[in-house]
Amino acid sequence: MPRPSVWLIRTALLHLGIGFTIGALILFEKGVPYADAIWALLPLHIELVLVGWTTQLALGVGYWILPRFLRGPARGDERLIWASYLLLNLGVLSAGVGGWLNAPGAVLLAGRVAEMVAVALFALQAIPRVKPHGV
């Protein structure tokens, strides 16, 4: 498995673990009220599980499983994948922590834009690898 896929998938699992832990705390508070402030973590929980886990896992598996080039670099420009990895995680942290701390809308917007650019960079790297069967 290529190194960027390993890092994407490991980080996705880290987001899953943290996101599910926060979700469990919120669910426990719903059944046995102990701290109303725990509900402030809901935006962070959503961001970690929805984008941090699912999107990052899809990108990691996609980078690994898409066909390789016959000539040139095996999987294309690896710098695009590392930039995508960095931007996606910065976006998750910005949007998640920004939502948790009621940061200004610009912080949330910056996080969302970073996530979108990360996916666009992945697509830019992956599109040349997708070819019709037999070509």
Protein backbone atom coordinates (compact mmCIF):
# COMPACT_ATOMS: atom_id res chain seq x y z
CA MET A 1 0.00 0.00 0.00
CA PRO A 2 1.44 3.43 -0.90
CA ARG A 3 2.54 5.66 1.97
CA PRO A 4 -0.07 8.44 1.33
CA SER A 5 -2.86 5.83 1.50
CA VAL A 6 -1.48 4.51 4.78
CA TRP A 7 -1.47 8.01 6.29
CA LEU A 8 -4.92 8.89 4.93
CA ILE A 9 -6.46 5.69 6.27
CA ARG A 10 -4.72 5.87 9.66
CA THR A 11 -5.78 9.48 10.11
CA ALA A 12 -9.32 8.56 9.06
CA LEU A 13 -9.39 5.91 11.78
CA LEU A 14 -8.10 8.45 14.29
CA HIS A 15 -10.93 10.81 13.33
CA LEU A 16 -13.37 7.92 13.68
CA GLY A 17 -12.16 7.07 17.18
CA ILE A 18 -12.25 10.65 18.42
CA GLY A 19 -15.57 11.37 16.69
CA PHE A 20 -17.25 8.27 18.11
CA THR A 21 -15.92 9.05 21.59
CA ILE A 22 -17.40 12.54 21.43
CA GLY A 23 -20.63 11.06 20.06
CA ALA A 24 -20.76 8.59 22.95
CA LEU A 25 -20.31 11.41 25.46
CA ILE A 26 -23.14 13.36 23.82
CA LEU A 27 -25.39 10.28 23.74
CA PHE A 28 -24.64 9.49 27.38
CA GLU A 29 -25.49 13.08 28.33
CA LYS A 30 -28.78 12.72 26.52
CA GLY A 31 -29.72 9.69 28.66
CA VAL A 32 -28.10 10.73 31.94
CA PRO A 33 -27.75 14.51 32.05
CA TYR A 34 -24.40 15.43 33.56
CA ALA A 35 -23.10 18.46 31.63
CA ASP A 36 -25.14 20.54 29.22
CA ALA A 37 -21.93 22.02 27.84
CA ILE A 38 -21.10 18.70 26.17
CA TRP A 39 -23.64 19.56 23.43
CA ALA A 40 -21.25 22.27 22.23
CA LEU A 41 -19.09 19.42 20.88
CA LEU A 42 -21.76 18.38 18.37
CA PRO A 43 -20.30 20.35 15.42
CA LEU A 44 -16.87 18.86 16.10
CA HIS A 45 -18.38 15.36 16.30
CA ILE A 46 -20.18 15.82 12.99
CA GLU A 47 -17.09 17.20 11.26
CA LEU A 48 -14.79 14.45 12.52
CA VAL A 49 -17.09 11.61 11.54
CA LEU A 50 -18.62 12.99 8.35
CA VAL A 51 -15.58 14.56 6.70
CA GLY A 52 -12.60 13.45 8.78
CA TRP A 53 -13.48 9.78 8.65
CA THR A 54 -15.59 9.07 5.58
CA THR A 55 -14.00 11.46 3.10
CA GLN A 56 -10.46 10.74 4.20
CA LEU A 57 -11.05 6.98 4.12
CA ALA A 58 -12.49 7.26 0.61
CA LEU A 59 -9.49 9.30 -0.57
CA GLY A 60 -7.01 6.88 0.97
CA VAL A 61 -8.61 3.79 -0.55
CA GLY A 62 -9.16 5.60 -3.86
CA TYR A 63 -5.51 6.57 -4.15
CA TRP A 64 -4.48 3.01 -3.42
CA ILE A 65 -6.98 1.19 -5.63
CA LEU A 66 -7.15 3.33 -8.78
CA PRO A 67 -5.12 1.91 -11.67
CA ARG A 68 -1.49 2.89 -12.02
CA PHE A 69 0.09 4.47 -15.07
CA LEU A 70 2.01 2.18 -17.37
CA ARG A 71 4.63 4.88 -17.96
CA GLY A 72 5.92 7.60 -15.68
CA PRO A 73 5.20 7.77 -11.96
CA ALA A 74 3.17 4.82 -10.77
CA ARG A 75 0.35 6.89 -9.31
CA GLY A 76 1.01 10.37 -10.64
CA ASP A 77 2.23 13.39 -8.71
CA GLU A 78 2.36 12.40 -5.05
CA ARG A 79 2.66 16.03 -3.96
CA LEU A 80 -1.00 16.58 -4.87
CA ILE A 81 -2.05 13.78 -2.52
CA TRP A 82 0.06 15.14 0.34
CA ALA A 83 -1.38 18.63 -0.25
CA SER A 84 -4.86 17.12 -0.27
CA TYR A 85 -4.12 15.30 3.00
CA LEU A 86 -2.86 18.47 4.66
CA LEU A 87 -5.73 20.67 3.44
CA LEU A 88 -8.40 18.13 4.34
CA ASN A 89 -7.14 17.80 7.91
CA LEU A 90 -6.68 21.55 8.33
CA GLY A 91 -10.21 22.01 7.01
CA VAL A 92 -11.64 19.44 9.42
CA LEU A 93 -9.87 21.07 12.36
CA SER A 94 -10.84 24.58 11.28
CA ALA A 95 -14.51 23.80 10.67
CA GLY A 96 -14.87 21.39 13.61
CA VAL A 97 -13.08 23.39 16.27
CA GLY A 98 -14.52 26.62 14.83
CA GLY A 99 -18.04 25.24 15.21
CA TRP A 100 -17.27 24.01 18.71
CA LEU A 101 -15.89 27.37 19.86
CA ASN A 102 -18.47 29.49 17.99
CA ALA A 103 -15.73 31.05 15.88
CA PRO A 104 -16.60 33.70 13.29
CA GLY A 105 -18.11 32.48 10.05
CA ALA A 106 -14.85 33.19 8.22
CA VAL A 107 -13.13 30.40 10.15
CA LEU A 108 -15.83 27.91 9.19
CA LEU A 109 -15.73 29.11 5.59
CA ALA A 110 -11.95 28.73 5.47
CA GLY A 111 -12.29 25.17 6.73
CA ARG A 112 -14.93 24.30 4.13
CA VAL A 113 -12.88 25.87 1.33
CA ALA A 114 -9.80 23.90 2.46
CA GLU A 115 -11.85 20.69 2.37
CA MET A 116 -13.18 21.45 -1.11
CA VAL A 117 -9.71 22.29 -2.43
CA ALA A 118 -8.41 19.04 -0.91
CA VAL A 119 -11.01 17.00 -2.78
CA ALA A 120 -10.34 18.97 -5.98
CA LEU A 121 -6.60 18.24 -5.69
CA PHE A 122 -7.35 14.56 -5.23
CA ALA A 123 -9.60 14.59 -8.29
CA LEU A 124 -6.97 16.43 -10.30
CA GLN A 125 -4.49 13.70 -9.46
CA ALA A 126 -6.95 10.81 -9.93
CA ILE A 127 -8.78 11.78 -13.15
CA PRO A 128 -5.91 10.84 -15.50
CA ARG A 129 -5.83 7.39 -13.91
CA VAL A 130 -9.47 6.67 -14.78
CA LYS A 131 -9.65 5.28 -18.31
CA PRO A 132 -12.23 3.25 -20.21
CA HIS A 133 -11.74 -0.51 -20.17
CA GLY A 134 -9.34 -1.71 -22.83
CA VAL A 135 -7.64 1.64 -23.41
